[in-house]
């Protein structure tokens, strides 16, 4: 069920509902892995976009492509950088 600030996305064939806050909360105590190209700043850390979406959604990184992570995170209001 979507709330006003939530988005519903399909990742790896599974529907997930995310909010900006749920992503921030999920990554609060997670150490970022090394960034290859696309990164997103969440809190005081920069995460690879696939790591950020994987942790927040509970889906493995193999279940989606970088473009999906980019699209979902920007829809939530995060700035993704190259």
C-alpha atoms as a PDB file:
ATOM      1  CA  UNK A   1       0.000   0.000   0.000  1.00  0.00           C
ATOM      2  CA  UNK A   2       1.415   3.366  -1.011  1.00  0.00           C
ATOM      3  CA  UNK A   3       1.429   6.386   1.246  1.00  0.00           C
ATOM      4  CA  UNK A   4       1.728   9.960   0.031  1.00  0.00           C
ATOM      5  CA  UNK A   5       5.547   9.910  -0.014  1.00  0.00           C
ATOM      6  CA  UNK A   6       5.957   6.272  -1.024  1.00  0.00           C
ATOM      7  CA  UNK A   7       6.622   4.782  -4.395  1.00  0.00           C
ATOM      8  CA  UNK A   8       5.841   1.273  -5.501  1.00  0.00           C
ATOM      9  CA  UNK A   9       8.375  -0.356  -7.790  1.00  0.00           C
ATOM     10  CA  UNK A  10       8.858  -3.792  -9.270  1.00  0.00           C
ATOM     11  CA  UNK A  11      12.315  -5.191  -8.604  1.00  0.00           C
ATOM     12  CA  UNK A  12      13.191  -8.642  -9.853  1.00  0.00           C
ATOM     13  CA  UNK A  13       9.505  -9.372 -10.388  1.00  0.00           C
ATOM     14  CA  UNK A  14       8.618  -8.397  -6.819  1.00  0.00           C
ATOM     15  CA  UNK A  15       6.674  -5.287  -5.853  1.00  0.00           C
ATOM     16  CA  UNK A  16       8.285  -3.189  -3.152  1.00  0.00           C
ATOM     17  CA  UNK A  17       7.107   0.011  -1.514  1.00  0.00           C
ATOM     18  CA  UNK A  18       9.809   2.499  -0.543  1.00  0.00           C
ATOM     19  CA  UNK A  19       9.989   5.971   0.938  1.00  0.00           C
ATOM     20  CA  UNK A  20      12.961   8.280   1.177  1.00  0.00           C
ATOM     21  CA  UNK A  21      12.934   7.768   4.940  1.00  0.00           C
ATOM     22  CA  UNK A  22      12.822   3.965   4.650  1.00  0.00           C
ATOM     23  CA  UNK A  23      15.903   4.048   2.413  1.00  0.00           C
ATOM     24  CA  UNK A  24      17.731   6.379   4.810  1.00  0.00           C
ATOM     25  CA  UNK A  25      16.793   4.209   7.799  1.00  0.00           C
ATOM     26  CA  UNK A  26      17.867   0.990   6.063  1.00  0.00           C
ATOM     27  CA  UNK A  27      21.307   2.393   5.264  1.00  0.00           C
ATOM     28  CA  UNK A  28      21.932   4.193   8.548  1.00  0.00           C
ATOM     29  CA  UNK A  29      24.420   1.647   9.920  1.00  0.00           C
ATOM     30  CA  UNK A  30      25.588   0.137   6.617  1.00  0.00           C
ATOM     31  CA  UNK A  31      29.158   0.642   5.468  1.00  0.00           C
ATOM     32  CA  UNK A  32      29.321   1.639   1.778  1.00  0.00           C
ATOM     33  CA  UNK A  33      31.163  -0.603  -0.659  1.00  0.00           C
ATOM     34  CA  UNK A  34      33.422   0.956  -3.273  1.00  0.00           C
ATOM     35  CA  UNK A  35      31.651   3.059  -5.879  1.00  0.00           C
ATOM     36  CA  UNK A  36      32.264   2.021  -9.471  1.00  0.00           C
ATOM     37  CA  UNK A  37      30.329   4.722 -11.350  1.00  0.00           C
ATOM     38  CA  UNK A  38      26.941   5.831  -9.993  1.00  0.00           C
ATOM     39  CA  UNK A  39      26.689   6.951  -6.381  1.00  0.00           C
ATOM     40  CA  UNK A  40      24.017   8.355  -4.132  1.00  0.00           C
ATOM     41  CA  UNK A  41      24.610  10.368  -0.979  1.00  0.00           C
ATOM     42  CA  UNK A  42      22.517   9.156   1.926  1.00  0.00           C
ATOM     43  CA  UNK A  43      23.265  10.675   5.288  1.00  0.00           C
ATOM     44  CA  UNK A  44      26.993  11.353   5.433  1.00  0.00           C
ATOM     45  CA  UNK A  45      27.987   8.470   3.146  1.00  0.00           C
ATOM     46  CA  UNK A  46      28.066   7.829  -0.584  1.00  0.00           C
ATOM     47  CA  UNK A  47      26.800   4.426  -1.670  1.00  0.00           C
ATOM     48  CA  UNK A  48      26.811   2.636  -5.001  1.00  0.00           C
ATOM     49  CA  UNK A  49      23.222   2.943  -6.248  1.00  0.00           C
ATOM     50  CA  UNK A  50      22.797  -0.824  -6.482  1.00  0.00           C
ATOM     51  CA  UNK A  51      23.951  -1.340  -2.885  1.00  0.00           C
ATOM     52  CA  UNK A  52      21.583   1.367  -1.650  1.00  0.00           C
ATOM     53  CA  UNK A  53      18.564  -0.099  -3.432  1.00  0.00           C
ATOM     54  CA  UNK A  54      19.466  -3.673  -2.503  1.00  0.00           C
ATOM     55  CA  UNK A  55      19.730  -2.901   1.204  1.00  0.00           C
ATOM     56  CA  UNK A  56      16.585  -0.761   1.211  1.00  0.00           C
ATOM     57  CA  UNK A  57      14.457  -3.221  -0.757  1.00  0.00           C
ATOM     58  CA  UNK A  58      15.858  -6.511   0.520  1.00  0.00           C
ATOM     59  CA  UNK A  59      16.442  -7.635  -3.067  1.00  0.00           C
ATOM     60  CA  UNK A  60      19.835  -8.934  -4.240  1.00  0.00           C
ATOM     61  CA  UNK A  61      21.789  -6.673  -6.583  1.00  0.00           C
ATOM     62  CA  UNK A  62      21.555  -9.347  -9.274  1.00  0.00           C
ATOM     63  CA  UNK A  63      17.759  -8.837  -9.382  1.00  0.00           C
ATOM     64  CA  UNK A  64      17.974  -5.404 -11.044  1.00  0.00           C
ATOM     65  CA  UNK A  65      20.220  -3.230 -13.186  1.00  0.00           C
ATOM     66  CA  UNK A  66      21.889   0.065 -12.340  1.00  0.00           C
ATOM     67  CA  UNK A  67      19.339   1.967 -14.425  1.00  0.00           C
ATOM     68  CA  UNK A  68      16.529   0.617 -12.231  1.00  0.00           C
ATOM     69  CA  UNK A  69      18.345   1.734  -9.075  1.00  0.00           C
ATOM     70  CA  UNK A  70      19.015   5.161 -10.598  1.00  0.00           C
ATOM     71  CA  UNK A  71      15.378   5.602 -11.598  1.00  0.00           C
ATOM     72  CA  UNK A  72      13.921   4.480  -8.262  1.00  0.00           C
ATOM     73  CA  UNK A  73      16.319   6.497  -6.104  1.00  0.00           C
ATOM     74  CA  UNK A  74      15.804   9.685  -8.129  1.00  0.00           C
ATOM     75  CA  UNK A  75      12.019   9.213  -7.934  1.00  0.00           C
ATOM     76  CA  UNK A  76      12.432   9.158  -4.162  1.00  0.00           C
ATOM     77  CA  UNK A  77      14.246  12.491  -4.272  1.00  0.00           C
ATOM     78  CA  UNK A  78      17.855  11.369  -3.967  1.00  0.00           C
ATOM     79  CA  UNK A  79      20.531  12.940  -6.170  1.00  0.00           C
ATOM     80  CA  UNK A  80      22.486  10.307  -8.071  1.00  0.00           C
ATOM     81  CA  UNK A  81      25.926  11.350  -9.304  1.00  0.00           C
ATOM     82  CA  UNK A  82      28.405   9.903 -11.749  1.00  0.00           C
END
